[in-house]
Amino acid sequence: MTTSRRVLVIEDNFDAAESLRLVLELAGHDVAVAHSGEEGLSRAYEVVPEIVLCDLGLPAGMSGLEVARELRARHADAIALVALTGHSGPDVMREVKDAGFDMHIVKPIDPAALSKIVDTA
């Protein structure tokens, strides 16, 4: 049985955010969604998520890397941070780790892999 988790999805693509929300809610999780870095930080302070799934390529304003750094500075290790991106490779992995992300998922996201990550984070 899956334990319900508080998850915050920060994704500027509305369809992708909605898909993630639906998959996670169907798995029994409590999900909040934000579509920019600034909105994501605001929502994080409201809902105090256990897990944040954050797109790296957010629109003008804060990047996903900046969001991770800010969340790490305020919440240390209390939140599991998962980077969502269409890119992989050693440079991306280094940037993700340096920003404070715990994990990295390359898009398109497999729902089974997503559920496993959220369940074990």
C-alpha atoms as a PDB file:
ATOM      1  CA  MET A   1       0.000   0.000   0.000  1.00  0.00           C
ATOM      2  CA  THR A   2       1.275   3.426  -0.949  1.00  0.00           C
ATOM      3  CA  THR A   3       1.634   6.038   1.764  1.00  0.00           C
ATOM      4  CA  SER A   4       0.031   9.322   0.800  1.00  0.00           C
ATOM      5  CA  ARG A   5       2.612  12.079   0.364  1.00  0.00           C
ATOM      6  CA  ARG A   6       2.330  15.876   0.005  1.00  0.00           C
ATOM      7  CA  VAL A   7       3.756  16.643  -3.430  1.00  0.00           C
ATOM      8  CA  LEU A   8       4.350  19.983  -5.123  1.00  0.00           C
ATOM      9  CA  VAL A   9       4.711  19.983  -8.912  1.00  0.00           C
ATOM     10  CA  ILE A  10       6.432  23.066 -10.368  1.00  0.00           C
ATOM     11  CA  GLU A  11       6.009  22.858 -14.145  1.00  0.00           C
ATOM     12  CA  ASP A  12       5.338  25.667 -16.621  1.00  0.00           C
ATOM     13  CA  ASN A  13       3.751  23.384 -19.222  1.00  0.00           C
ATOM     14  CA  PHE A  14       0.111  23.250 -18.135  1.00  0.00           C
ATOM     15  CA  ASP A  15      -0.610  19.896 -19.821  1.00  0.00           C
ATOM     16  CA  ALA A  16       2.478  18.266 -18.304  1.00  0.00           C
ATOM     17  CA  ALA A  17       1.636  19.682 -14.856  1.00  0.00           C
ATOM     18  CA  GLU A  18      -1.927  18.423 -15.107  1.00  0.00           C
ATOM     19  CA  SER A  19      -0.763  14.965 -16.219  1.00  0.00           C
ATOM     20  CA  LEU A  20       1.634  14.731 -13.291  1.00  0.00           C
ATOM     21  CA  ARG A  21      -1.077  15.904 -10.892  1.00  0.00           C
ATOM     22  CA  LEU A  22      -3.543  13.297 -12.167  1.00  0.00           C
ATOM     23  CA  VAL A  23      -1.049  10.418 -12.017  1.00  0.00           C
ATOM     24  CA  LEU A  24      -0.018  11.342  -8.485  1.00  0.00           C
ATOM     25  CA  GLU A  25      -3.564  11.915  -7.230  1.00  0.00           C
ATOM     26  CA  LEU A  26      -4.674   8.578  -8.685  1.00  0.00           C
ATOM     27  CA  ALA A  27      -1.856   7.011  -6.650  1.00  0.00           C
ATOM     28  CA  GLY A  28      -3.329   8.617  -3.523  1.00  0.00           C
ATOM     29  CA  HIS A  29      -1.032  11.605  -3.077  1.00  0.00           C
ATOM     30  CA  ASP A  30      -2.028  15.155  -2.097  1.00  0.00           C
ATOM     31  CA  VAL A  31      -0.778  17.330  -4.963  1.00  0.00           C
ATOM     32  CA  ALA A  32      -0.339  21.087  -5.375  1.00  0.00           C
ATOM     33  CA  VAL A  33       0.738  22.647  -8.674  1.00  0.00           C
ATOM     34  CA  ALA A  34       2.627  25.822  -9.562  1.00  0.00           C
ATOM     35  CA  HIS A  35       3.594  27.098 -13.019  1.00  0.00           C
ATOM     36  CA  SER A  36       6.608  29.301 -12.229  1.00  0.00           C
ATOM     37  CA  GLY A  37       9.526  29.342  -9.830  1.00  0.00           C
ATOM     38  CA  GLU A  38       8.129  32.218  -7.808  1.00  0.00           C
ATOM     39  CA  GLU A  39       4.703  30.602  -7.561  1.00  0.00           C
ATOM     40  CA  GLY A  40       6.377  27.316  -6.630  1.00  0.00           C
ATOM     41  CA  LEU A  41       8.220  28.881  -3.702  1.00  0.00           C
ATOM     42  CA  SER A  42       5.023  30.538  -2.507  1.00  0.00           C
ATOM     43  CA  ARG A  43       3.091  27.251  -2.738  1.00  0.00           C
ATOM     44  CA  ALA A  44       5.915  25.416  -0.947  1.00  0.00           C
ATOM     45  CA  TYR A  45       5.539  27.709   2.049  1.00  0.00           C
ATOM     46  CA  GLU A  46       1.752  27.189   2.032  1.00  0.00           C
ATOM     47  CA  VAL A  47       1.543  23.407   1.634  1.00  0.00           C
ATOM     48  CA  VAL A  48       4.933  22.346   3.105  1.00  0.00           C
ATOM     49  CA  PRO A  49       5.447  19.457   0.666  1.00  0.00           C
ATOM     50  CA  GLU A  50       7.394  16.321   1.413  1.00  0.00           C
ATOM     51  CA  ILE A  51       8.444  16.083  -2.242  1.00  0.00           C
ATOM     52  CA  VAL A  52       8.906  18.762  -4.900  1.00  0.00           C
ATOM     53  CA  LEU A  53       8.994  17.819  -8.582  1.00  0.00           C
ATOM     54  CA  CYS A  54      10.518  20.838 -10.320  1.00  0.00           C
ATOM     55  CA  ASP A  55      11.071  21.471 -14.006  1.00  0.00           C
ATOM     56  CA  LEU A  56      14.516  22.928 -14.647  1.00  0.00           C
ATOM     57  CA  GLY A  57      13.463  24.976 -17.679  1.00  0.00           C
ATOM     58  CA  LEU A  58      10.956  27.313 -16.072  1.00  0.00           C
ATOM     59  CA  PRO A  59      10.021  30.541 -17.896  1.00  0.00           C
ATOM     60  CA  ALA A  60      11.432  34.000 -17.173  1.00  0.00           C
ATOM     61  CA  GLY A  61      12.062  34.582 -13.508  1.00  0.00           C
ATOM     62  CA  MET A  62      13.501  31.789 -11.397  1.00  0.00           C
ATOM     63  CA  SER A  63      14.925  28.665 -13.009  1.00  0.00           C
ATOM     64  CA  GLY A  64      14.362  25.261 -11.464  1.00  0.00           C
ATOM     65  CA  LEU A  65      17.960  25.346 -10.231  1.00  0.00           C
ATOM     66  CA  GLU A  66      17.295  28.617  -8.399  1.00  0.00           C
ATOM     67  CA  VAL A  67      14.106  27.187  -6.891  1.00  0.00           C
ATOM     68  CA  ALA A  68      16.057  24.184  -5.586  1.00  0.00           C
ATOM     69  CA  ARG A  69      18.757  26.370  -4.053  1.00  0.00           C
ATOM     70  CA  GLU A  70      16.150  28.511  -2.298  1.00  0.00           C
ATOM     71  CA  LEU A  71      14.208  25.510  -0.987  1.00  0.00           C
ATOM     72  CA  ARG A  72      17.423  23.867   0.248  1.00  0.00           C
ATOM     73  CA  ALA A  73      18.466  27.085   2.000  1.00  0.00           C
ATOM     74  CA  ARG A  74      15.158  27.293   3.849  1.00  0.00           C
ATOM     75  CA  HIS A  75      14.283  23.643   4.386  1.00  0.00           C
ATOM     76  CA  ALA A  76      17.675  21.904   4.372  1.00  0.00           C
ATOM     77  CA  ASP A  77      16.941  18.213   3.848  1.00  0.00           C
ATOM     78  CA  ALA A  78      13.294  18.233   4.983  1.00  0.00           C
ATOM     79  CA  ILE A  79      12.027  18.129   1.373  1.00  0.00           C
ATOM     80  CA  ALA A  80      12.963  15.601  -1.304  1.00  0.00           C
ATOM     81  CA  LEU A  81      13.733  17.568  -4.474  1.00  0.00           C
ATOM     82  CA  VAL A  82      13.330  15.903  -7.870  1.00  0.00           C
ATOM     83  CA  ALA A  83      14.488  17.677 -11.037  1.00  0.00           C
ATOM     84  CA  LEU A  84      12.379  17.267 -14.172  1.00  0.00           C
ATOM     85  CA  THR A  85      14.128  17.965 -17.467  1.00  0.00           C
ATOM     86  CA  GLY A  86      14.330  16.952 -21.080  1.00  0.00           C
ATOM     87  CA  HIS A  87      18.115  16.735 -20.842  1.00  0.00           C
ATOM     88  CA  SER A  88      20.615  14.360 -19.286  1.00  0.00           C
ATOM     89  CA  GLY A  89      24.345  13.917 -19.244  1.00  0.00           C
ATOM     90  CA  PRO A  90      27.194  14.639 -16.860  1.00  0.00           C
ATOM     91  CA  ASP A  91      26.898  18.456 -16.999  1.00  0.00           C
ATOM     92  CA  VAL A  92      23.174  18.405 -16.238  1.00  0.00           C
ATOM     93  CA  MET A  93      23.659  15.854 -13.466  1.00  0.00           C
ATOM     94  CA  ARG A  94      26.369  18.022 -11.887  1.00  0.00           C
ATOM     95  CA  GLU A  95      24.177  21.167 -12.056  1.00  0.00           C
ATOM     96  CA  VAL A  96      21.232  19.278 -10.564  1.00  0.00           C
ATOM     97  CA  LYS A  97      23.305  17.891  -7.693  1.00  0.00           C
ATOM     98  CA  ASP A  98      25.023  21.227  -7.015  1.00  0.00           C
ATOM     99  CA  ALA A  99      21.625  22.978  -6.818  1.00  0.00           C
ATOM    100  CA  GLY A 100      20.489  20.542  -4.122  1.00  0.00           C
ATOM    101  CA  PHE A 101      18.243  18.138  -6.008  1.00  0.00           C
ATOM    102  CA  ASP A 102      18.101  14.591  -4.662  1.00  0.00           C
ATOM    103  CA  MET A 103      17.025  12.966  -7.929  1.00  0.00           C
ATOM    104  CA  HIS A 104      16.702  13.664 -11.645  1.00  0.00           C
ATOM    105  CA  ILE A 105      13.975  12.435 -14.026  1.00  0.00           C
ATOM    106  CA  VAL A 106      14.311  12.833 -17.786  1.00  0.00           C
ATOM    107  CA  LYS A 107      11.119  13.681 -19.688  1.00  0.00           C
ATOM    108  CA  PRO A 108       8.934  12.133 -20.921  1.00  0.00           C
ATOM    109  CA  ILE A 109       8.186  10.754 -17.495  1.00  0.00           C
ATOM    110  CA  ASP A 110       7.146   7.138 -17.099  1.00  0.00           C
ATOM    111  CA  PRO A 111       4.213   7.031 -14.623  1.00  0.00           C
ATOM    112  CA  ALA A 112       5.467   3.794 -12.995  1.00  0.00           C
ATOM    113  CA  ALA A 113       8.943   5.277 -12.465  1.00  0.00           C
ATOM    114  CA  LEU A 114       7.376   8.477 -11.100  1.00  0.00           C
ATOM    115  CA  SER A 115       5.257   6.524  -8.616  1.00  0.00           C
ATOM    116  CA  LYS A 116       8.290   4.554  -7.464  1.00  0.00           C
ATOM    117  CA  ILE A 117      10.312   7.740  -6.896  1.00  0.00           C
ATOM    118  CA  VAL A 118       7.510   9.456  -4.966  1.00  0.00           C
ATOM    119  CA  ASP A 119       6.867   6.334  -2.896  1.00  0.00           C
ATOM    120  CA  THR A 120      10.515   5.988  -1.888  1.00  0.00           C
ATOM    121  CA  ALA A 121      11.608   9.636  -1.599  1.00  0.00           C
END
